[in-house]
């Protein structure tokens, strides 16, 4: 039986998969590092890690998508 945290991780992964094509199009990607205490830890990869608008990508793209699909998440943190 799936735990609550496993359900959250599954939903977060689905959210990331939905935005991955947009990141890939610009030569980037995203990696899920951890989900702990309703916080999501991710790492932007490729061009997204050094892009001047990566902050906007995190705030507008990643955070909004995760919050829309997984409202119980408290914070999304970019691990560099």
N, C-alpha and C. Protein backbone atom coordinates (compact mmCIF):
# COMPACT_ATOMS: atom_id res chain seq x y z
N UNK A 1 0.84 -1.19 0.00
CA UNK A 1 0.00 0.00 0.00
C UNK A 1 0.88 1.25 0.00
N UNK A 2 0.52 2.20 -0.83
CA UNK A 2 1.30 3.42 -1.00
C UNK A 2 1.11 4.36 0.19
N UNK A 3 2.22 4.89 0.70
CA UNK A 3 2.14 5.85 1.80
C UNK A 3 1.73 7.21 1.26
N UNK A 4 1.37 8.11 2.17
CA UNK A 4 1.00 9.47 1.77
C UNK A 4 2.16 10.15 1.05
N UNK A 5 3.38 9.98 1.57
CA UNK A 5 4.54 10.61 0.94
C UNK A 5 4.78 10.04 -0.46
N UNK A 6 4.57 8.74 -0.64
CA UNK A 6 4.73 8.14 -1.97
C UNK A 6 3.69 8.70 -2.95
N UNK A 7 2.48 8.93 -2.47
CA UNK A 7 1.44 9.53 -3.32
C UNK A 7 1.84 10.94 -3.74
N UNK A 8 2.39 11.70 -2.79
CA UNK A 8 2.83 13.06 -3.10
C UNK A 8 3.97 13.03 -4.12
N UNK A 9 4.93 12.13 -3.92
CA UNK A 9 6.06 12.01 -4.85
C UNK A 9 5.55 11.68 -6.25
N UNK A 10 4.60 10.77 -6.35
CA UNK A 10 4.03 10.40 -7.65
C UNK A 10 3.39 11.61 -8.32
N UNK A 11 2.62 12.39 -7.56
CA UNK A 11 1.97 13.58 -8.13
C UNK A 11 2.99 14.64 -8.53
N UNK A 12 4.05 14.80 -7.73
CA UNK A 12 5.11 15.75 -8.07
C UNK A 12 5.80 15.32 -9.36
N UNK A 13 6.11 14.04 -9.48
CA UNK A 13 6.74 13.52 -10.69
C UNK A 13 5.87 13.77 -11.93
N UNK A 14 4.57 13.57 -11.77
CA UNK A 14 3.64 13.84 -12.89
C UNK A 14 3.66 15.31 -13.26
N UNK A 15 3.71 16.18 -12.26
CA UNK A 15 3.78 17.63 -12.52
C UNK A 15 5.06 17.98 -13.27
N UNK A 16 6.17 17.41 -12.83
CA UNK A 16 7.45 17.68 -13.50
C UNK A 16 7.45 17.15 -14.93
N UNK A 17 6.85 15.98 -15.14
CA UNK A 17 6.77 15.43 -16.49
C UNK A 17 5.96 16.35 -17.41
N UNK A 18 4.97 17.04 -16.86
CA UNK A 18 4.13 17.91 -17.70
C UNK A 18 4.88 19.17 -18.14
N UNK A 19 5.90 19.60 -17.39
CA UNK A 19 6.65 20.79 -17.80
C UNK A 19 8.00 20.44 -18.44
N UNK A 20 8.43 19.21 -18.32
CA UNK A 20 9.72 18.79 -18.86
C UNK A 20 9.87 19.12 -20.35
N UNK A 21 8.86 18.90 -21.21
CA UNK A 21 9.03 19.23 -22.64
C UNK A 21 9.40 20.70 -22.88
N UNK A 22 8.86 21.60 -22.08
CA UNK A 22 9.17 23.03 -22.24
C UNK A 22 10.62 23.31 -21.85
N UNK A 23 11.10 22.66 -20.80
CA UNK A 23 12.49 22.81 -20.38
C UNK A 23 13.43 22.18 -21.40
N UNK A 24 13.06 20.99 -21.89
CA UNK A 24 13.89 20.29 -22.88
C UNK A 24 14.03 21.11 -24.17
N UNK A 25 12.96 21.80 -24.55
CA UNK A 25 12.96 22.60 -25.77
C UNK A 25 14.05 23.67 -25.72
N UNK A 26 14.36 24.16 -24.53
CA UNK A 26 15.39 25.19 -24.35
C UNK A 26 16.73 24.59 -23.91
N UNK A 27 16.85 23.27 -24.01
CA UNK A 27 18.11 22.62 -23.68
C UNK A 27 18.32 22.37 -22.19
N UNK A 28 17.23 22.37 -21.44
CA UNK A 28 17.32 22.15 -20.00
C UNK A 28 16.51 20.96 -19.55
N UNK A 29 16.50 20.77 -18.25
CA UNK A 29 15.73 19.68 -17.66
C UNK A 29 15.59 19.97 -16.17
N UNK A 30 14.89 19.10 -15.48
CA UNK A 30 14.71 19.25 -14.04
C UNK A 30 14.79 17.88 -13.40
N UNK A 31 15.35 17.85 -12.20
CA UNK A 31 15.53 16.60 -11.47
C UNK A 31 14.89 16.73 -10.10
N UNK A 32 14.09 15.74 -9.73
CA UNK A 32 13.52 15.71 -8.39
C UNK A 32 14.58 15.14 -7.45
N UNK A 33 14.95 15.93 -6.44
CA UNK A 33 15.95 15.50 -5.47
C UNK A 33 15.29 14.79 -4.29
N UNK A 34 14.24 15.41 -3.74
CA UNK A 34 13.60 14.83 -2.55
C UNK A 34 12.25 15.50 -2.32
N UNK A 35 11.40 14.82 -1.60
CA UNK A 35 10.16 15.38 -1.07
C UNK A 35 10.17 15.06 0.41
N UNK A 36 10.20 16.09 1.24
CA UNK A 36 10.30 15.89 2.68
C UNK A 36 9.52 16.97 3.41
N UNK A 37 8.68 16.56 4.35
CA UNK A 37 7.88 17.50 5.14
C UNK A 37 7.10 18.46 4.25
N UNK A 38 6.50 17.93 3.20
CA UNK A 38 5.71 18.71 2.23
C UNK A 38 6.51 19.78 1.52
N UNK A 39 7.83 19.64 1.48
CA UNK A 39 8.70 20.49 0.68
C UNK A 39 9.27 19.66 -0.46
N UNK A 40 9.37 20.28 -1.62
CA UNK A 40 9.91 19.62 -2.80
C UNK A 40 11.28 20.23 -3.10
N UNK A 41 12.28 19.37 -3.27
CA UNK A 41 13.63 19.80 -3.61
C UNK A 41 13.93 19.35 -5.03
N UNK A 42 14.22 20.32 -5.91
CA UNK A 42 14.51 20.03 -7.31
C UNK A 42 15.83 20.68 -7.70
N UNK A 43 16.36 20.24 -8.85
CA UNK A 43 17.56 20.86 -9.40
C UNK A 43 17.31 21.10 -10.89
N UNK A 44 17.51 22.34 -11.31
CA UNK A 44 17.45 22.66 -12.73
C UNK A 44 18.75 22.20 -13.38
N UNK A 45 18.64 21.60 -14.57
CA UNK A 45 19.79 21.01 -15.25
C UNK A 45 19.98 21.64 -16.63
N UNK A 46 21.16 21.43 -17.20
CA UNK A 46 21.45 21.90 -18.55
C UNK A 46 21.38 23.41 -18.64
N UNK A 47 20.83 23.91 -19.73
CA UNK A 47 20.73 25.35 -19.93
C UNK A 47 19.91 26.03 -18.84
N UNK A 48 18.99 25.31 -18.23
CA UNK A 48 18.14 25.90 -17.20
C UNK A 48 18.93 26.27 -15.94
N UNK A 49 20.03 25.57 -15.69
CA UNK A 49 20.79 25.85 -14.47
C UNK A 49 21.53 27.17 -14.54
N UNK A 50 21.89 27.61 -15.74
CA UNK A 50 22.65 28.85 -15.86
C UNK A 50 21.89 29.95 -16.60
N UNK A 51 20.67 29.70 -16.94
CA UNK A 51 19.86 30.67 -17.69
C UNK A 51 19.56 31.89 -16.82
N UNK A 52 19.66 33.09 -17.41
CA UNK A 52 19.37 34.30 -16.63
C UNK A 52 17.93 34.38 -16.14
N UNK A 53 17.02 33.67 -16.77
CA UNK A 53 15.63 33.71 -16.30
C UNK A 53 15.23 32.44 -15.55
N UNK A 54 16.22 31.70 -15.04
CA UNK A 54 15.91 30.47 -14.32
C UNK A 54 15.06 30.73 -13.09
N UNK A 55 15.22 31.91 -12.46
CA UNK A 55 14.36 32.25 -11.32
C UNK A 55 12.90 32.30 -11.77
N UNK A 56 12.65 32.91 -12.91
CA UNK A 56 11.28 32.97 -13.44
C UNK A 56 10.78 31.58 -13.81
N UNK A 57 11.66 30.77 -14.37
CA UNK A 57 11.29 29.39 -14.70
C UNK A 57 10.83 28.67 -13.45
N UNK A 58 11.59 28.81 -12.37
CA UNK A 58 11.23 28.15 -11.11
C UNK A 58 9.91 28.68 -10.58
N UNK A 59 9.77 30.01 -10.50
CA UNK A 59 8.58 30.61 -9.89
C UNK A 59 7.34 30.38 -10.75
N UNK A 60 7.43 30.73 -12.02
CA UNK A 60 6.24 30.73 -12.87
C UNK A 60 5.92 29.36 -13.45
N UNK A 61 6.95 28.61 -13.80
CA UNK A 61 6.71 27.31 -14.42
C UNK A 61 6.64 26.18 -13.42
N UNK A 62 7.74 25.93 -12.75
CA UNK A 62 7.84 24.77 -11.87
C UNK A 62 6.93 24.90 -10.66
N UNK A 63 7.05 25.99 -9.92
CA UNK A 63 6.25 26.14 -8.69
C UNK A 63 4.76 26.15 -8.98
N UNK A 64 4.35 26.92 -9.97
CA UNK A 64 2.92 26.99 -10.27
C UNK A 64 2.36 25.64 -10.69
N UNK A 65 3.11 24.92 -11.50
CA UNK A 65 2.65 23.61 -11.97
C UNK A 65 2.54 22.63 -10.81
N UNK A 66 3.57 22.59 -9.96
CA UNK A 66 3.53 21.67 -8.82
C UNK A 66 2.39 22.04 -7.88
N UNK A 67 2.24 23.32 -7.56
CA UNK A 67 1.18 23.75 -6.63
C UNK A 67 -0.22 23.45 -7.19
N UNK A 68 -0.36 23.58 -8.50
CA UNK A 68 -1.65 23.30 -9.14
C UNK A 68 -2.01 21.81 -9.01
N UNK A 69 -1.03 20.95 -9.20
CA UNK A 69 -1.28 19.51 -9.20
C UNK A 69 -1.13 18.87 -7.81
N UNK A 70 -0.37 19.53 -6.92
CA UNK A 70 -0.11 18.99 -5.58
C UNK A 70 -0.24 20.13 -4.56
N UNK A 71 -1.47 20.55 -4.27
CA UNK A 71 -1.67 21.73 -3.42
C UNK A 71 -1.14 21.59 -1.99
N UNK A 72 -0.92 20.36 -1.54
CA UNK A 72 -0.43 20.18 -0.17
C UNK A 72 1.05 20.53 -0.01
N UNK A 73 1.75 20.79 -1.12
CA UNK A 73 3.17 21.16 -1.04
C UNK A 73 3.30 22.56 -0.47
N UNK A 74 4.19 22.69 0.53
CA UNK A 74 4.41 23.98 1.19
C UNK A 74 5.40 24.84 0.41
N UNK A 75 6.50 24.24 -0.02
CA UNK A 75 7.55 25.02 -0.66
C UNK A 75 8.28 24.18 -1.70
N UNK A 76 8.72 24.85 -2.77
CA UNK A 76 9.52 24.21 -3.79
C UNK A 76 10.89 24.89 -3.75
N UNK A 77 11.93 24.09 -3.53
CA UNK A 77 13.26 24.64 -3.32
C UNK A 77 14.20 24.14 -4.41
N UNK A 78 14.89 25.09 -5.06
CA UNK A 78 15.87 24.75 -6.08
C UNK A 78 17.21 24.50 -5.41
N UNK A 79 17.71 23.27 -5.53
CA UNK A 79 19.00 22.88 -4.95
C UNK A 79 20.05 23.06 -6.04
N UNK A 80 21.06 23.84 -5.77
CA UNK A 80 22.07 24.10 -6.81
C UNK A 80 23.26 23.20 -6.65
